[in-house]
Protein backbone atom coordinates (compact mmCIF):
# COMPACT_ATOMS: atom_id res chain seq x y z
CA MET A 1 -11.48 69.56 -33.56
CA GLU A 2 -8.35 71.00 -35.06
CA LYS A 3 -6.49 69.63 -31.39
CA LEU A 4 -7.74 66.06 -31.69
CA ASN A 5 -6.46 65.86 -34.93
CA GLU A 6 -3.19 67.35 -33.90
CA ILE A 7 -2.98 64.60 -31.11
CA LYS A 8 -4.09 61.88 -33.52
CA GLU A 9 -1.25 62.80 -35.98
CA LEU A 10 1.54 62.52 -32.77
CA CYS A 11 -0.45 59.30 -31.62
CA ASN A 12 -1.31 57.56 -34.96
CA CYS A 13 0.39 54.48 -35.57
CA ILE A 14 2.44 54.49 -32.48
CA GLU A 15 4.47 51.49 -31.36
CA TYR A 16 2.32 49.36 -28.51
CA SER A 17 3.84 50.58 -25.38
CA ARG A 18 1.09 51.45 -23.10
CA ASP A 19 2.29 55.15 -23.27
CA VAL A 20 1.88 58.01 -25.84
CA PRO A 21 4.23 60.98 -27.17
CA ASP A 22 4.74 63.64 -24.24
CA LYS A 23 3.67 66.30 -26.77
CA ALA A 24 0.99 64.48 -27.10
CA LYS A 25 0.09 64.27 -23.50
CA GLU A 26 0.53 68.00 -23.23
CA ILE A 27 -1.38 69.14 -25.52
CA ALA A 28 -4.26 66.97 -23.96
CA LYS A 29 -4.05 68.26 -20.57
CA GLU A 30 -4.17 72.23 -21.88
CA ASN A 31 -6.90 71.45 -23.89
CA ASN A 32 -9.37 69.24 -22.24
CA ILE A 33 -8.50 65.99 -24.14
CA VAL A 34 -8.10 62.63 -22.59
CA ILE A 35 -6.45 59.90 -24.46
CA ILE A 36 -6.86 56.42 -23.93
CA VAL A 37 -4.66 53.62 -24.88
CA GLY A 38 -4.47 49.80 -23.78
CA GLY A 39 -2.21 47.76 -22.37
CA SER A 40 -2.71 43.30 -22.58
CA ASP A 41 -6.06 43.09 -23.23
CA ASP A 42 -7.19 44.05 -19.95
CA LEU A 43 -5.78 47.61 -19.06
CA MET A 44 -6.54 50.68 -20.50
CA TYR A 45 -3.96 53.92 -20.02
CA CYS A 46 -5.35 57.16 -19.69
CA TYR A 47 -3.05 60.70 -20.35
CA GLY A 48 -4.19 64.05 -20.36
CA ALA A 49 -6.99 66.18 -19.02
CA LYS A 50 -7.35 66.27 -15.16
CA SER A 51 -10.04 63.89 -14.11
CA HIS A 52 -10.14 60.54 -12.25
CA LEU A 53 -9.51 58.26 -15.98
CA THR A 54 -5.93 60.27 -15.68
CA TYR A 55 -5.48 60.42 -12.41
CA SER A 56 -5.17 57.07 -11.79
CA CYS A 57 -3.59 56.56 -15.84
CA GLU A 58 -3.90 52.99 -15.70
CA HIS A 59 -7.06 51.38 -15.35
CA GLY A 60 -7.92 47.20 -14.96
CA TYR A 61 -10.72 46.80 -17.39
CA GLY A 62 -11.47 45.25 -20.84
CA TRP A 63 -11.31 41.67 -20.50
CA ASP A 64 -13.83 40.48 -22.75
CA GLY A 65 -14.86 43.64 -23.38
CA CYS A 66 -16.73 46.56 -20.22
CA ASP A 67 -19.20 48.75 -20.04
CA LEU A 68 -17.40 51.18 -17.76
CA THR A 69 -20.86 52.70 -17.45
CA LYS A 70 -22.25 49.81 -15.42
CA ILE A 71 -19.07 48.82 -13.45
CA LYS A 72 -18.68 47.92 -9.82
CA GLY A 73 -15.95 49.20 -7.37
CA ASN A 74 -14.96 52.20 -8.94
CA LYS A 75 -17.42 55.31 -8.46
CA LYS A 76 -15.66 57.75 -9.50
CA LEU A 77 -14.54 56.13 -13.39
CA LYS A 78 -18.32 55.18 -13.25
CA LYS A 79 -19.20 58.85 -12.90
CA GLU A 80 -16.68 60.09 -15.77
CA ALA A 81 -17.57 56.65 -18.17
CA LYS A 82 -21.23 57.44 -17.49
CA GLN A 83 -20.49 61.07 -19.01
CA LEU A 84 -18.62 60.13 -21.85
CA GLY A 85 -20.53 56.88 -22.37
CA LEU A 86 -17.61 55.04 -22.54
CA LYS A 87 -16.77 51.49 -23.48
CA ILE A 88 -14.16 49.29 -24.00
CA TRP A 89 -14.49 46.65 -26.99
CA TRP A 90 -12.34 43.53 -27.12
CA CYS A 91 -12.63 41.08 -29.96
CA GLY A 92 -13.39 38.17 -27.81
CA LYS A 93 -16.15 39.76 -26.54
CA ILE A 94 -17.42 41.48 -29.93
CA ILE A 95 -17.33 37.50 -31.26
CA ALA A 96 -18.72 36.06 -28.84
CA ASP A 97 -21.77 38.57 -28.65
CA ASN A 98 -22.34 39.00 -32.49
CA LEU A 99 -21.06 42.91 -31.29
CA LYS A 100 -20.99 45.01 -34.40
CA ILE A 101 -19.35 48.25 -34.25
CA ASP A 102 -19.97 50.44 -37.55
CA ASN A 103 -16.89 50.25 -39.84
CA TYR A 104 -14.97 48.40 -37.12
CA SER A 105 -12.72 44.98 -38.49
CA ILE A 106 -10.50 43.64 -36.17
CA ASP A 107 -7.74 42.98 -38.86
CA LYS A 108 -7.70 46.83 -39.69
CA ASN A 109 -8.58 48.40 -36.16
CA GLY A 110 -6.83 45.66 -33.83
CA ALA A 111 -7.84 43.11 -31.10
CA PHE A 112 -10.46 46.05 -29.18
CA SER A 113 -11.25 49.80 -29.19
CA TYR A 114 -13.33 52.42 -27.32
CA THR A 115 -16.43 54.11 -28.13
CA VAL A 116 -18.23 56.79 -26.59
CA ASP A 117 -21.42 58.46 -27.34
CA GLU A 118 -21.90 59.99 -30.49
CA LYS A 119 -22.87 63.51 -29.43
CA ILE A 120 -18.93 63.65 -27.23
CA LYS A 121 -16.48 64.52 -29.95
CA SER A 122 -13.37 62.24 -30.51
CA LEU A 123 -11.36 60.44 -33.13
CA ASP A 124 -9.38 57.10 -32.76
CA PHE A 125 -5.72 56.24 -33.35
CA LYS A 126 -3.77 53.11 -34.24
CA VAL A 127 -1.55 51.03 -32.24
CA MET A 128 1.33 48.93 -33.90
CA GLU A 129 3.30 45.97 -32.57
CA ASP A 130 5.79 44.17 -34.90
CA GLY A 131 3.74 46.37 -38.16
CA GLU A 132 0.27 45.05 -37.27
CA VAL A 133 -2.55 46.76 -35.47
CA TYR A 134 -2.67 45.90 -32.06
CA CYS A 135 -5.53 47.94 -30.71
CA THR A 136 -7.12 51.59 -32.02
CA GLY A 137 -7.06 54.51 -29.10
CA LYS A 138 -9.45 57.28 -28.34
CA ILE A 139 -8.75 60.24 -27.94
CA ILE A 140 -11.57 62.37 -26.57
CA GLU A 141 -12.08 65.56 -26.18
CA LEU A 142 -14.51 65.97 -22.51
CA PRO A 143 -17.39 68.26 -23.22
CA LYS A 144 -18.47 71.77 -21.39
CA ASP A 145 -20.73 69.97 -18.85
CA PHE A 146 -18.02 67.24 -17.87
CA ILE A 147 -17.63 67.10 -13.95
CA THR A 148 -14.40 65.85 -13.07
CA SER A 149 -14.73 62.84 -10.09
CA GLU A 150 -10.75 64.45 -9.13
CA LYS A 151 -10.72 67.67 -7.43
């Protein structure tokens, strides 16, 4: 968890820009970690470890929430998401479906967030916009048995 915490220190409360600090990307890449941050309400940006998540960097999923383990059309992303249990939560979907994320407050944590299976080591960080929380980003340590969709 040491490297996850180091990345969190660099990323926590960054100003919204769809990007993360270069030093955080470097640490993630060297330590098999993926950093996910949101853009708008329907995009996610991924940085770090070699994977399809980071190879494409920008992914157009998220509007009204998206269980990336069940998406159609992007087999590589779906394969990696299934290994992590990766889901995007957007406040419209959370509210409309009366879904709950333990200890999650839209006011404190922003309009959307990401979750992974409990067995996956991960941490959250806040992304700010004009002094208010925009969204919650995710730092994910890829498991040892993770199979990337990219060579």
